[in-house]
Amino acid sequence: MKLNEKFYQLRRQSGMSEKEAADKLNISRQAFWRWEDGTAQSAANNILEISKQNKRLISR
């Protein structure tokens, strides 16, 4: 599974919109959309933050 597909899957599993996910990561909705679309890649520090946010959502 490609990273952009994983972003999409995790966001959908958490029930968040693109805007909600982007807000949690302090990025624009457009930037998050480009990650999910595969037209842009996230920086390593953003991937770490996604991992932290996802862990919190899963552990609920």
Protein backbone atom coordinates (compact mmCIF):
# COMPACT_ATOMS: atom_id res chain seq x y z
CA MET A 1 0.00 0.00 0.00
CA LYS A 2 1.33 3.41 -0.97
CA LEU A 3 1.70 6.12 1.67
CA ASN A 4 -1.01 8.31 0.12
CA GLU A 5 -3.43 5.36 0.22
CA LYS A 6 -2.58 4.83 3.88
CA PHE A 7 -3.29 8.51 4.65
CA TYR A 8 -6.70 8.13 3.06
CA GLN A 9 -7.46 4.86 4.82
CA LEU A 10 -6.46 6.13 8.27
CA ARG A 11 -8.40 9.37 7.87
CA ARG A 12 -11.54 7.53 6.76
CA GLN A 13 -11.23 5.01 9.61
CA SER A 14 -11.02 7.85 12.10
CA GLY A 15 -14.12 9.51 10.62
CA MET A 16 -12.34 12.81 10.00
CA SER A 17 -12.77 15.11 7.06
CA GLU A 18 -9.73 16.35 5.14
CA LYS A 19 -10.15 19.70 6.90
CA GLU A 20 -10.22 18.11 10.36
CA ALA A 21 -7.14 16.00 9.62
CA ALA A 22 -5.30 19.01 8.18
CA ASP A 23 -6.19 21.14 11.21
CA LYS A 24 -4.81 18.51 13.57
CA LEU A 25 -1.52 18.58 11.63
CA ASN A 26 -1.43 22.38 11.32
CA ILE A 27 -1.39 22.27 7.53
CA SER A 28 -3.84 23.44 4.89
CA ARG A 29 -6.64 21.21 3.66
CA GLN A 30 -5.17 21.54 0.18
CA ALA A 31 -1.79 20.24 1.35
CA PHE A 32 -3.44 17.26 3.02
CA TRP A 33 -5.50 16.58 -0.11
CA ARG A 34 -2.31 16.54 -2.20
CA TRP A 35 -0.84 13.94 0.17
CA GLU A 36 -3.90 11.74 -0.19
CA ASP A 37 -3.98 12.29 -3.94
CA GLY A 38 -0.31 11.36 -4.22
CA THR A 39 0.65 14.58 -5.98
CA ALA A 40 2.80 15.69 -3.02
CA GLN A 41 4.69 14.00 -0.23
CA SER A 42 4.69 14.99 3.41
CA ALA A 43 7.80 15.91 5.33
CA ALA A 44 9.17 13.41 7.82
CA ASN A 45 8.10 15.49 10.82
CA ASN A 46 4.52 15.53 9.50
CA ILE A 47 4.54 11.76 9.12
CA LEU A 48 5.60 11.48 12.77
CA GLU A 49 2.74 13.77 13.81
CA ILE A 50 0.28 11.73 11.74
CA SER A 51 1.49 8.63 13.52
CA LYS A 52 0.96 10.26 16.92
CA GLN A 53 -2.50 11.54 16.00
CA ASN A 54 -3.53 8.17 14.58
CA LYS A 55 -2.37 6.35 17.67
CA ARG A 56 -4.57 8.60 19.81
CA LEU A 57 -7.56 8.01 17.56
CA ILE A 58 -7.11 4.24 17.52
CA SER A 59 -6.66 3.99 21.29
CA ARG A 60 -10.02 5.68 22.00
